[in-house]
Amino acid sequence: MSLIQKLYDAQEEKDLEKYNEVVSEDYYWVKHSTGEHIPRDELSKWLLSEGGPKTESFRIIYENNEIGVAHFFVSFDDGSRQAVLAVYIIKDGKIIRSETGATNVVS
């Protein structure tokens, strides 16, 4: 199974142990809307929480042992929805960084 699929499954199952198996301790997410670098532990608290975003129509576009690219939709508790393109940087079998670009979707 692909590393990106394992990440997605861990998020869907809200399984922190499985999440940490694929995400490096040094991992950070680059949030393009603000330029912030969000560390693994902070991101996992949000993603794996009951109020975290809900992912739909997840698909892996490309993956090798250095990079992964995925597209999906996320919806939030406030009713907003976004289309997301995510790039995952992989090193030594773990995800070390991800960057996302998101576009608001109007229903």
PDB file of N, CA and C in Angstrom:
ATOM      1  N   MET A   1       0.845  -1.188   0.000  1.00  0.00           N
ATOM      2  CA  MET A   1       0.000   0.000   0.000  1.00  0.00           C
ATOM      3  C   MET A   1       0.886   1.246   0.000  1.00  0.00           C
ATOM      4  N   SER A   2       0.433   2.258  -0.702  1.00  0.00           N
ATOM      5  CA  SER A   2       1.217   3.489  -0.801  1.00  0.00           C
ATOM      6  C   SER A   2       1.255   4.237   0.529  1.00  0.00           C
ATOM      7  N   LEU A   3       2.292   5.006   0.709  1.00  0.00           N
ATOM      8  CA  LEU A   3       2.453   5.820   1.919  1.00  0.00           C
ATOM      9  C   LEU A   3       1.327   6.847   2.037  1.00  0.00           C
ATOM     10  N   ILE A   4       0.970   7.473   0.922  1.00  0.00           N
ATOM     11  CA  ILE A   4      -0.082   8.487   0.935  1.00  0.00           C
ATOM     12  C   ILE A   4      -1.421   7.840   1.278  1.00  0.00           C
ATOM     13  N   GLN A   5      -1.680   6.640   0.782  1.00  0.00           N
ATOM     14  CA  GLN A   5      -2.921   5.934   1.125  1.00  0.00           C
ATOM     15  C   GLN A   5      -2.947   5.591   2.613  1.00  0.00           C
ATOM     16  N   LYS A   6      -1.805   5.197   3.168  1.00  0.00           N
ATOM     17  CA  LYS A   6      -1.734   4.915   4.605  1.00  0.00           C
ATOM     18  C   LYS A   6      -2.035   6.180   5.416  1.00  0.00           C
ATOM     19  N   LEU A   7      -1.531   7.326   4.960  1.00  0.00           N
ATOM     20  CA  LEU A   7      -1.817   8.593   5.633  1.00  0.00           C
ATOM     21  C   LEU A   7      -3.316   8.881   5.595  1.00  0.00           C
ATOM     22  N   TYR A   8      -3.905   8.773   4.437  1.00  0.00           N
ATOM     23  CA  TYR A   8      -5.341   9.013   4.282  1.00  0.00           C
ATOM     24  C   TYR A   8      -6.149   8.082   5.188  1.00  0.00           C
ATOM     25  N   ASP A   9      -5.809   6.797   5.182  1.00  0.00           N
ATOM     26  CA  ASP A   9      -6.524   5.824   6.015  1.00  0.00           C
ATOM     27  C   ASP A   9      -6.406   6.168   7.500  1.00  0.00           C
ATOM     28  N   ALA A  10      -5.216   6.551   7.940  1.00  0.00           N
ATOM     29  CA  ALA A  10      -5.015   6.921   9.349  1.00  0.00           C
ATOM     30  C   ALA A  10      -5.878   8.124   9.715  1.00  0.00           C
ATOM     31  N   GLN A  11      -5.951   9.100   8.809  1.00  0.00           N
ATOM     32  CA  GLN A  11      -6.773  10.286   9.066  1.00  0.00           C
ATOM     33  C   GLN A  11      -8.253   9.910   9.122  1.00  0.00           C
ATOM     34  N   GLU A  12      -8.701   9.081   8.202  1.00  0.00           N
ATOM     35  CA  GLU A  12     -10.103   8.667   8.175  1.00  0.00           C
ATOM     36  C   GLU A  12     -10.477   7.876   9.430  1.00  0.00           C
ATOM     37  N   GLU A  13      -9.554   7.050   9.894  1.00  0.00           N
ATOM     38  CA  GLU A  13      -9.789   6.224  11.084  1.00  0.00           C
ATOM     39  C   GLU A  13      -9.500   6.988  12.378  1.00  0.00           C
ATOM     40  N   LYS A  14      -8.974   8.210  12.239  1.00  0.00           N
ATOM     41  CA  LYS A  14      -8.576   9.031  13.385  1.00  0.00           C
ATOM     42  C   LYS A  14      -7.641   8.247  14.305  1.00  0.00           C
ATOM     43  N   ASP A  15      -6.654   7.607  13.672  1.00  0.00           N
ATOM     44  CA  ASP A  15      -5.713   6.728  14.355  1.00  0.00           C
ATOM     45  C   ASP A  15      -4.346   7.405  14.444  1.00  0.00           C
ATOM     46  N   LEU A  16      -4.049   7.986  15.592  1.00  0.00           N
ATOM     47  CA  LEU A  16      -2.800   8.722  15.781  1.00  0.00           C
ATOM     48  C   LEU A  16      -1.578   7.825  15.633  1.00  0.00           C
ATOM     49  N   GLU A  17      -1.644   6.589  16.107  1.00  0.00           N
ATOM     50  CA  GLU A  17      -0.501   5.682  16.000  1.00  0.00           C
ATOM     51  C   GLU A  17      -0.158   5.409  14.532  1.00  0.00           C
ATOM     52  N   LYS A  18      -1.157   5.112  13.729  1.00  0.00           N
ATOM     53  CA  LYS A  18      -0.928   4.868  12.301  1.00  0.00           C
ATOM     54  C   LYS A  18      -0.458   6.151  11.601  1.00  0.00           C
ATOM     55  N   TYR A  19      -1.004   7.275  11.997  1.00  0.00           N
ATOM     56  CA  TYR A  19      -0.605   8.564  11.438  1.00  0.00           C
ATOM     57  C   TYR A  19       0.885   8.804  11.684  1.00  0.00           C
ATOM     58  N   ASN A  20       1.316   8.581  12.916  1.00  0.00           N
ATOM     59  CA  ASN A  20       2.719   8.805  13.276  1.00  0.00           C
ATOM     60  C   ASN A  20       3.667   7.794  12.637  1.00  0.00           C
ATOM     61  N   GLU A  21       3.154   6.647  12.199  1.00  0.00           N
ATOM     62  CA  GLU A  21       3.989   5.666  11.510  1.00  0.00           C
ATOM     63  C   GLU A  21       4.427   6.160  10.128  1.00  0.00           C
ATOM     64  N   VAL A  22       3.639   7.032   9.509  1.00  0.00           N
ATOM     65  CA  VAL A  22       3.964   7.492   8.154  1.00  0.00           C
ATOM     66  C   VAL A  22       4.446   8.934   8.101  1.00  0.00           C
ATOM     67  N   VAL A  23       4.255   9.680   9.185  1.00  0.00           N
ATOM     68  CA  VAL A  23       4.634  11.089   9.224  1.00  0.00           C
ATOM     69  C   VAL A  23       5.835  11.263  10.153  1.00  0.00           C
ATOM     70  N   SER A  24       6.897  11.826   9.633  1.00  0.00           N
ATOM     71  CA  SER A  24       8.132  12.030  10.394  1.00  0.00           C
ATOM     72  C   SER A  24       7.910  12.957  11.593  1.00  0.00           C
ATOM     73  N   GLU A  25       8.693  12.766  12.640  1.00  0.00           N
ATOM     74  CA  GLU A  25       8.639  13.661  13.806  1.00  0.00           C
ATOM     75  C   GLU A  25       8.986  15.091  13.417  1.00  0.00           C
ATOM     76  N   ASP A  26       9.807  15.254  12.391  1.00  0.00           N
ATOM     77  CA  ASP A  26      10.237  16.579  11.930  1.00  0.00           C
ATOM     78  C   ASP A  26       9.292  17.185  10.890  1.00  0.00           C
ATOM     79  N   TYR A  27       8.216  16.501  10.597  1.00  0.00           N
ATOM     80  CA  TYR A  27       7.255  16.926   9.586  1.00  0.00           C
ATOM     81  C   TYR A  27       6.680  18.311   9.886  1.00  0.00           C
ATOM     82  N   TYR A  28       6.379  19.026   8.805  1.00  0.00           N
ATOM     83  CA  TYR A  28       5.568  20.240   8.925  1.00  0.00           C
ATOM     84  C   TYR A  28       4.745  20.426   7.658  1.00  0.00           C
ATOM     85  N   TRP A  29       3.592  21.075   7.824  1.00  0.00           N
ATOM     86  CA  TRP A  29       2.696  21.413   6.725  1.00  0.00           C
ATOM     87  C   TRP A  29       2.864  22.894   6.434  1.00  0.00           C
ATOM     88  N   VAL A  30       3.093  23.233   5.170  1.00  0.00           N
ATOM     89  CA  VAL A  30       3.193  24.623   4.756  1.00  0.00           C
ATOM     90  C   VAL A  30       1.782  25.085   4.386  1.00  0.00           C
ATOM     91  N   LYS A  31       1.277  26.007   5.169  1.00  0.00           N
ATOM     92  CA  LYS A  31      -0.059  26.550   4.946  1.00  0.00           C
ATOM     93  C   LYS A  31       0.087  27.788   4.065  1.00  0.00           C
ATOM     94  N   HIS A  32      -0.230  27.643   2.794  1.00  0.00           N
ATOM     95  CA  HIS A  32       0.033  28.719   1.840  1.00  0.00           C
ATOM     96  C   HIS A  32      -0.785  29.977   2.089  1.00  0.00           C
ATOM     97  N   SER A  33      -1.965  29.844   2.685  1.00  0.00           N
ATOM     98  CA  SER A  33      -2.793  31.038   2.917  1.00  0.00           C
ATOM     99  C   SER A  33      -2.141  32.009   3.892  1.00  0.00           C
ATOM    100  N   THR A  34      -1.281  31.486   4.796  1.00  0.00           N
ATOM    101  CA  THR A  34      -0.647  32.356   5.788  1.00  0.00           C
ATOM    102  C   THR A  34       0.876  32.275   5.773  1.00  0.00           C
ATOM    103  N   GLY A  35       1.429  31.263   5.113  1.00  0.00           N
ATOM    104  CA  GLY A  35       2.870  31.054   5.116  1.00  0.00           C
ATOM    105  C   GLY A  35       3.365  30.321   6.350  1.00  0.00           C
ATOM    106  N   GLU A  36       2.457  29.961   7.232  1.00  0.00           N
ATOM    107  CA  GLU A  36       2.833  29.259   8.467  1.00  0.00           C
ATOM    108  C   GLU A  36       3.381  27.869   8.166  1.00  0.00           C
ATOM    109  N   HIS A  37       4.248  27.395   9.061  1.00  0.00           N
ATOM    110  CA  HIS A  37       4.701  26.012   9.062  1.00  0.00           C
ATOM    111  C   HIS A  37       4.061  25.360  10.287  1.00  0.00           C
ATOM    112  N   ILE A  38       3.157  24.424  10.056  1.00  0.00           N
ATOM    113  CA  ILE A  38       2.417  23.764  11.143  1.00  0.00           C
ATOM    114  C   ILE A  38       3.086  22.417  11.425  1.00  0.00           C
ATOM    115  N   PRO A  39       3.571  22.193  12.661  1.00  0.00           N
ATOM    116  CA  PRO A  39       4.249  20.932  12.982  1.00  0.00           C
ATOM    117  C   PRO A  39       3.282  19.750  13.099  1.00  0.00           C
ATOM    118  N   ARG A  40       3.842  18.553  13.014  1.00  0.00           N
ATOM    119  CA  ARG A  40       3.073  17.307  13.022  1.00  0.00           C
ATOM    120  C   ARG A  40       2.072  17.228  14.163  1.00  0.00           C
ATOM    121  N   ASP A  41       2.530  17.458  15.392  1.00  0.00           N
ATOM    122  CA  ASP A  41       1.647  17.261  16.540  1.00  0.00           C
ATOM    123  C   ASP A  41       0.473  18.237  16.537  1.00  0.00           C
ATOM    124  N   GLU A  42       0.721  19.464  16.133  1.00  0.00           N
ATOM    125  CA  GLU A  42      -0.363  20.449  16.056  1.00  0.00           C
ATOM    126  C   GLU A  42      -1.354  20.082  14.947  1.00  0.00           C
ATOM    127  N   LEU A  43      -0.835  19.674  13.800  1.00  0.00           N
ATOM    128  CA  LEU A  43      -1.703  19.315  12.680  1.00  0.00           C
ATOM    129  C   LEU A  43      -2.530  18.079  13.001  1.00  0.00           C
ATOM    130  N   SER A  44      -1.920  17.072  13.604  1.00  0.00           N
ATOM    131  CA  SER A  44      -2.652  15.835  13.896  1.00  0.00           C
ATOM    132  C   SER A  44      -3.789  16.070  14.890  1.00  0.00           C
ATOM    133  N   LYS A  45      -3.591  16.970  15.839  1.00  0.00           N
ATOM    134  CA  LYS A  45      -4.675  17.283  16.794  1.00  0.00           C
ATOM    135  C   LYS A  45      -5.902  17.796  16.060  1.00  0.00           C
ATOM    136  N   TRP A  46      -5.677  18.633  15.049  1.00  0.00           N
ATOM    137  CA  TRP A  46      -6.789  19.189  14.283  1.00  0.00           C
ATOM    138  C   TRP A  46      -7.374  18.161  13.315  1.00  0.00           C
ATOM    139  N   LEU A  47      -6.507  17.506  12.526  1.00  0.00           N
ATOM    140  CA  LEU A  47      -6.990  16.569  11.514  1.00  0.00           C
ATOM    141  C   LEU A  47      -7.726  15.378  12.108  1.00  0.00           C
ATOM    142  N   LEU A  48      -7.262  14.891  13.242  1.00  0.00           N
ATOM    143  CA  LEU A  48      -7.829  13.684  13.831  1.00  0.00           C
ATOM    144  C   LEU A  48      -8.944  13.976  14.834  1.00  0.00           C
ATOM    145  N   SER A  49      -9.247  15.235  15.053  1.00  0.00           N
ATOM    146  CA  SER A  49     -10.299  15.587  16.009  1.00  0.00           C
ATOM    147  C   SER A  49     -11.677  15.374  15.396  1.00  0.00           C
ATOM    148  N   GLU A  50     -12.679  15.288  16.240  1.00  0.00           N
ATOM    149  CA  GLU A  50     -14.056  15.136  15.767  1.00  0.00           C
ATOM    150  C   GLU A  50     -14.494  16.340  14.938  1.00  0.00           C
ATOM    151  N   GLY A  51     -13.946  17.520  15.232  1.00  0.00           N
ATOM    152  CA  GLY A  51     -14.298  18.725  14.488  1.00  0.00           C
ATOM    153  C   GLY A  51     -13.394  19.004  13.300  1.00  0.00           C
ATOM    154  N   GLY A  52     -12.493  18.077  13.011  1.00  0.00           N
ATOM    155  CA  GLY A  52     -11.556  18.263  11.901  1.00  0.00           C
ATOM    156  C   GLY A  52     -12.256  18.183  10.559  1.00  0.00           C
ATOM    157  N   PRO A  53     -11.549  18.535   9.494  1.00  0.00           N
ATOM    158  CA  PRO A  53     -12.156  18.520   8.158  1.00  0.00           C
ATOM    159  C   PRO A  53     -12.518  17.100   7.721  1.00  0.00           C
ATOM    160  N   LYS A  54     -13.570  17.005   6.942  1.00  0.00           N
ATOM    161  CA  LYS A  54     -14.012  15.718   6.379  1.00  0.00           C
ATOM    162  C   LYS A  54     -13.520  15.656   4.941  1.00  0.00           C
ATOM    163  N   THR A  55     -12.838  14.575   4.596  1.00  0.00           N
ATOM    164  CA  THR A  55     -12.260  14.422   3.260  1.00  0.00           C
ATOM    165  C   THR A  55     -13.185  13.606   2.375  1.00  0.00           C
ATOM    166  N   GLU A  56     -13.324  14.049   1.127  1.00  0.00           N
ATOM    167  CA  GLU A  56     -14.164  13.350   0.145  1.00  0.00           C
ATOM    168  C   GLU A  56     -13.393  13.218  -1.165  1.00  0.00           C
ATOM    169  N   SER A  57     -13.724  12.201  -1.933  1.00  0.00           N
ATOM    170  CA  SER A  57     -13.196  11.992  -3.282  1.00  0.00           C
ATOM    171  C   SER A  57     -11.674  12.066  -3.332  1.00  0.00           C
ATOM    172  N   PHE A  58     -11.029  11.436  -2.366  1.00  0.00           N
ATOM    173  CA  PHE A  58      -9.564  11.414  -2.289  1.00  0.00           C
ATOM    174  C   PHE A  58      -9.002  10.560  -3.413  1.00  0.00           C
ATOM    175  N   ARG A  59      -7.996  11.080  -4.114  1.00  0.00           N
ATOM    176  CA  ARG A  59      -7.308  10.273  -5.121  1.00  0.00           C
ATOM    177  C   ARG A  59      -5.840  10.666  -5.184  1.00  0.00           C
ATOM    178  N   ILE A  60      -5.019   9.664  -5.332  1.00  0.00           N
ATOM    179  CA  ILE A  60      -3.585   9.874  -5.474  1.00  0.00           C
ATOM    180  C   ILE A  60      -3.296  10.063  -6.960  1.00  0.00           C
ATOM    181  N   ILE A  61      -2.676  11.162  -7.299  1.00  0.00           N
ATOM    182  CA  ILE A  61      -2.340  11.450  -8.687  1.00  0.00           C
ATOM    183  C   ILE A  61      -1.005  10.818  -9.061  1.00  0.00           C
ATOM    184  N   TYR A  62      -0.032  10.917  -8.131  1.00  0.00           N
ATOM    185  CA  TYR A  62       1.300  10.369  -8.393  1.00  0.00           C
ATOM    186  C   TYR A  62       1.992  10.135  -7.062  1.00  0.00           C
ATOM    187  N   GLU A  63       2.809   9.073  -7.030  1.00  0.00           N
ATOM    188  CA  GLU A  63       3.629   8.822  -5.841  1.00  0.00           C
ATOM    189  C   GLU A  63       4.842   7.982  -6.214  1.00  0.00           C
ATOM    190  N   ASN A  64       6.000   8.371  -5.667  1.00  0.00           N
ATOM    191  CA  ASN A  64       7.190   7.527  -5.718  1.00  0.00           C
ATOM    192  C   ASN A  64       7.850   7.628  -4.343  1.00  0.00           C
ATOM    193  N   ASN A  65       9.116   7.262  -4.204  1.00  0.00           N
ATOM    194  CA  ASN A  65       9.732   7.273  -2.874  1.00  0.00           C
ATOM    195  C   ASN A  65      10.238   8.651  -2.452  1.00  0.00           C
ATOM    196  N   GLU A  66       9.994   9.690  -3.271  1.00  0.00           N
ATOM    197  CA  GLU A  66      10.425  11.045  -2.926  1.00  0.00           C
ATOM    198  C   GLU A  66       9.284  12.056  -2.845  1.00  0.00           C
ATOM    199  N   ILE A  67       8.184  11.786  -3.545  1.00  0.00           N
ATOM    200  CA  ILE A  67       7.100  12.765  -3.625  1.00  0.00           C
ATOM    201  C   ILE A  67       5.760  12.067  -3.858  1.00  0.00           C
ATOM    202  N   GLY A  68       4.714  12.673  -3.354  1.00  0.00           N
ATOM    203  CA  GLY A  68       3.361  12.211  -3.620  1.00  0.00           C
ATOM    204  C   GLY A  68       2.486  13.413  -3.906  1.00  0.00           C
ATOM    205  N   VAL A  69       1.509  13.235  -4.781  1.00  0.00           N
ATOM    206  CA  VAL A  69       0.572  14.300  -5.123  1.00  0.00           C
ATOM    207  C   VAL A  69      -0.834  13.713  -5.046  1.00  0.00           C
ATOM    208  N   ALA A  70      -1.723  14.433  -4.370  1.00  0.00           N
ATOM    209  CA  ALA A  70      -3.096  13.953  -4.223  1.00  0.00           C
ATOM    210  C   ALA A  70      -4.074  15.111  -4.407  1.00  0.00           C
ATOM    211  N   HIS A  71      -5.304  14.754  -4.783  1.00  0.00           N
ATOM    212  CA  HIS A  71      -6.377  15.737  -4.908  1.00  0.00           C
ATOM    213  C   HIS A  71      -7.574  15.212  -4.120  1.00  0.00           C
ATOM    214  N   PHE A  72      -8.266  16.125  -3.447  1.00  0.00           N
ATOM    215  CA  PHE A  72      -9.441  15.741  -2.672  1.00  0.00           C
ATOM    216  C   PHE A  72     -10.251  16.980  -2.345  1.00  0.00           C
ATOM    217  N   PHE A  73     -11.425  16.762  -1.796  1.00  0.00           N
ATOM    218  CA  PHE A  73     -12.275  17.839  -1.310  1.00  0.00           C
ATOM    219  C   PHE A  73     -12.347  17.728   0.199  1.00  0.00           C
ATOM    220  N   VAL A  74     -12.410  18.858   0.881  1.00  0.00           N
ATOM    221  CA  VAL A  74     -12.624  18.852   2.323  1.00  0.00           C
ATOM    222  C   VAL A  74     -13.831  19.725   2.640  1.00  0.00           C
ATOM    223  N   SER A  75     -14.564  19.306   3.660  1.00  0.00           N
ATOM    224  CA  SER A  75     -15.680  20.122   4.151  1.00  0.00           C
ATOM    225  C   SER A  75     -15.467  20.356   5.637  1.00  0.00           C
ATOM    226  N   PHE A  76     -15.946  21.494   6.093  1.00  0.00           N
ATOM    227  CA  PHE A  76     -15.725  21.934   7.462  1.00  0.00           C
ATOM    228  C   PHE A  76     -17.053  22.067   8.191  1.00  0.00           C
ATOM    229  N   ASP A  77     -16.983  22.104   9.509  1.00  0.00           N
ATOM    230  CA  ASP A  77     -18.191  22.195  10.331  1.00  0.00           C
ATOM    231  C   ASP A  77     -19.040  23.422  10.022  1.00  0.00           C
ATOM    232  N   ASP A  78     -18.417  24.481   9.520  1.00  0.00           N
ATOM    233  CA  ASP A  78     -19.181  25.695   9.207  1.00  0.00           C
ATOM    234  C   ASP A  78     -19.898  25.609   7.861  1.00  0.00           C
ATOM    235  N   GLY A  79     -19.775  24.453   7.175  1.00  0.00           N
ATOM    236  CA  GLY A  79     -20.457  24.244   5.899  1.00  0.00           C
ATOM    237  C   GLY A  79     -19.613  24.600   4.686  1.00  0.00           C
ATOM    238  N   SER A  80     -18.454  25.202   4.876  1.00  0.00           N
ATOM    239  CA  SER A  80     -17.609  25.552   3.737  1.00  0.00           C
ATOM    240  C   SER A  80     -16.930  24.296   3.186  1.00  0.00           C
ATOM    241  N   ARG A  81     -16.520  24.399   1.929  1.00  0.00           N
ATOM    242  CA  ARG A  81     -15.923  23.270   1.239  1.00  0.00           C
ATOM    243  C   ARG A  81     -14.788  23.773   0.353  1.00  0.00           C
ATOM    244  N   GLN A  82     -13.723  22.968   0.230  1.00  0.00           N
ATOM    245  CA  GLN A  82     -12.582  23.340  -0.604  1.00  0.00           C
ATOM    246  C   GLN A  82     -12.111  22.157  -1.442  1.00  0.00           C
ATOM    247  N   ALA A  83     -11.610  22.474  -2.625  1.00  0.00           N
ATOM    248  CA  ALA A  83     -10.879  21.509  -3.443  1.00  0.00           C
ATOM    249  C   ALA A  83      -9.410  21.696  -3.087  1.00  0.00           C
ATOM    250  N   VAL A  84      -8.704  20.601  -2.820  1.00  0.00           N
ATOM    251  CA  VAL A  84      -7.327  20.684  -2.328  1.00  0.00           C
ATOM    252  C   VAL A  84      -6.397  19.867  -3.214  1.00  0.00           C
ATOM    253  N   LEU A  85      -5.274  20.469  -3.569  1.00  0.00           N
ATOM    254  CA  LEU A  85      -4.182  19.770  -4.220  1.00  0.00           C
ATOM    255  C   LEU A  85      -3.041  19.731  -3.209  1.00  0.00           C
ATOM    256  N   ALA A  86      -2.580  18.538  -2.881  1.00  0.00           N
ATOM    257  CA  ALA A  86      -1.546  18.377  -1.851  1.00  0.00           C
ATOM    258  C   ALA A  86      -0.314  17.716  -2.444  1.00  0.00           C
ATOM    259  N   VAL A  87       0.838  18.224  -2.045  1.00  0.00           N
ATOM    260  CA  VAL A  87       2.127  17.637  -2.411  1.00  0.00           C
ATOM    261  C   VAL A  87       2.801  17.184  -1.121  1.00  0.00           C
ATOM    262  N   TYR A  88       3.249  15.950  -1.116  1.00  0.00           N
ATOM    263  CA  TYR A  88       3.902  15.356   0.051  1.00  0.00           C
ATOM    264  C   TYR A  88       5.353  15.065  -0.309  1.00  0.00           C
ATOM    265  N   ILE A  89       6.281  15.550   0.506  1.00  0.00           N
ATOM    266  CA  ILE A  89       7.701  15.266   0.316  1.00  0.00           C
ATOM    267  C   ILE A  89       8.049  14.080   1.217  1.00  0.00           C
ATOM    268  N   ILE A  90       8.693  13.083   0.631  1.00  0.00           N
ATOM    269  CA  ILE A  90       8.973  11.825   1.322  1.00  0.00           C
ATOM    270  C   ILE A  90      10.486  11.631   1.426  1.00  0.00           C
ATOM    271  N   LYS A  91      10.921  11.218   2.605  1.00  0.00           N
ATOM    272  CA  LYS A  91      12.341  10.920   2.817  1.00  0.00           C
ATOM    273  C   LYS A  91      12.439   9.740   3.779  1.00  0.00           C
ATOM    274  N   ASP A  92      13.258   8.776   3.438  1.00  0.00           N
ATOM    275  CA  ASP A  92      13.468   7.594   4.275  1.00  0.00           C
ATOM    276  C   ASP A  92      12.163   6.905   4.661  1.00  0.00           C
ATOM    277  N   GLY A  93      11.223   6.863   3.717  1.00  0.00           N
ATOM    278  CA  GLY A  93       9.981   6.126   3.934  1.00  0.00           C
ATOM    279  C   GLY A  93       8.938   6.828   4.773  1.00  0.00           C
ATOM    280  N   LYS A  94       9.142   8.123   5.059  1.00  0.00           N
ATOM    281  CA  LYS A  94       8.155   8.883   5.842  1.00  0.00           C
ATOM    282  C   LYS A  94       7.897  10.228   5.166  1.00  0.00           C
ATOM    283  N   ILE A  95       6.726  10.760   5.431  1.00  0.00           N
ATOM    284  CA  ILE A  95       6.380  12.074   4.909  1.00  0.00           C
ATOM    285  C   ILE A  95       7.041  13.114   5.803  1.00  0.00           C
ATOM    286  N   ILE A  96       7.835  14.008   5.194  1.00  0.00           N
ATOM    287  CA  ILE A  96       8.550  15.013   5.990  1.00  0.00           C
ATOM    288  C   ILE A  96       7.952  16.410   5.846  1.00  0.00           C
ATOM    289  N   ARG A  97       7.178  16.632   4.778  1.00  0.00           N
ATOM    290  CA  ARG A  97       6.573  17.944   4.571  1.00  0.00           C
ATOM    291  C   ARG A  97       5.408  17.796   3.613  1.00  0.00           C
ATOM    292  N   SER A  98       4.410  18.633   3.787  1.00  0.00           N
ATOM    293  CA  SER A  98       3.351  18.701   2.787  1.00  0.00           C
ATOM    294  C   SER A  98       3.000  20.163   2.560  1.00  0.00           C
ATOM    295  N   GLU A  99       2.564  20.421   1.353  1.00  0.00           N
ATOM    296  CA  GLU A  99       2.119  21.758   0.969  1.00  0.00           C
ATOM    297  C   GLU A  99       0.791  21.586   0.245  1.00  0.00           C
ATOM    298  N   THR A 100      -0.129  22.483   0.515  1.00  0.00           N
ATOM    299  CA  THR A 100      -1.436  22.378  -0.102  1.00  0.00           C
ATOM    300  C   THR A 100      -1.825  23.686  -0.751  1.00  0.00           C
ATOM    301  N   GLY A 101      -2.608  23.548  -1.791  1.00  0.00           N
ATOM    302  CA  GLY A 101      -3.268  24.682  -2.404  1.00  0.00           C
ATOM    303  C   GLY A 101      -4.750  24.369  -2.371  1.00  0.00           C
ATOM    304  N   ALA A 102      -5.564  25.306  -1.947  1.00  0.00           N
ATOM    305  CA  ALA A 102      -6.994  25.035  -1.800  1.00  0.00           C
ATOM    306  C   ALA A 102      -7.800  26.127  -2.493  1.00  0.00           C
ATOM    307  N   THR A 103      -8.915  25.706  -3.071  1.00  0.00           N
ATOM    308  CA  THR A 103      -9.836  26.618  -3.724  1.00  0.00           C
ATOM    309  C   THR A 103     -11.210  26.437  -3.107  1.00  0.00           C
ATOM    310  N   ASN A 104     -11.834  27.513  -2.687  1.00  0.00           N
ATOM    311  CA  ASN A 104     -13.173  27.418  -2.136  1.00  0.00           C
ATOM    312  C   ASN A 104     -14.141  26.923  -3.209  1.00  0.00           C
ATOM    313  N   VAL A 105     -15.046  26.047  -2.798  1.00  0.00           N
ATOM    314  CA  VAL A 105     -16.048  25.498  -3.693  1.00  0.00           C
ATOM    315  C   VAL A 105     -17.403  26.004  -3.237  1.00  0.00           C
ATOM    316  N   VAL A 106     -18.137  26.586  -4.153  1.00  0.00           N
ATOM    317  CA  VAL A 106     -19.462  27.102  -3.836  1.00  0.00           C
ATOM    318  C   VAL A 106     -20.485  26.074  -4.260  1.00  0.00           C
ATOM    319  N   SER A 107     -21.335  25.683  -3.327  1.00  0.00           N
ATOM    320  CA  SER A 107     -22.355  24.659  -3.629  1.00  0.00           C
ATOM    321  C   SER A 107     -23.556  25.261  -4.289  1.00  0.00           C
TER     322      SER A 107
END
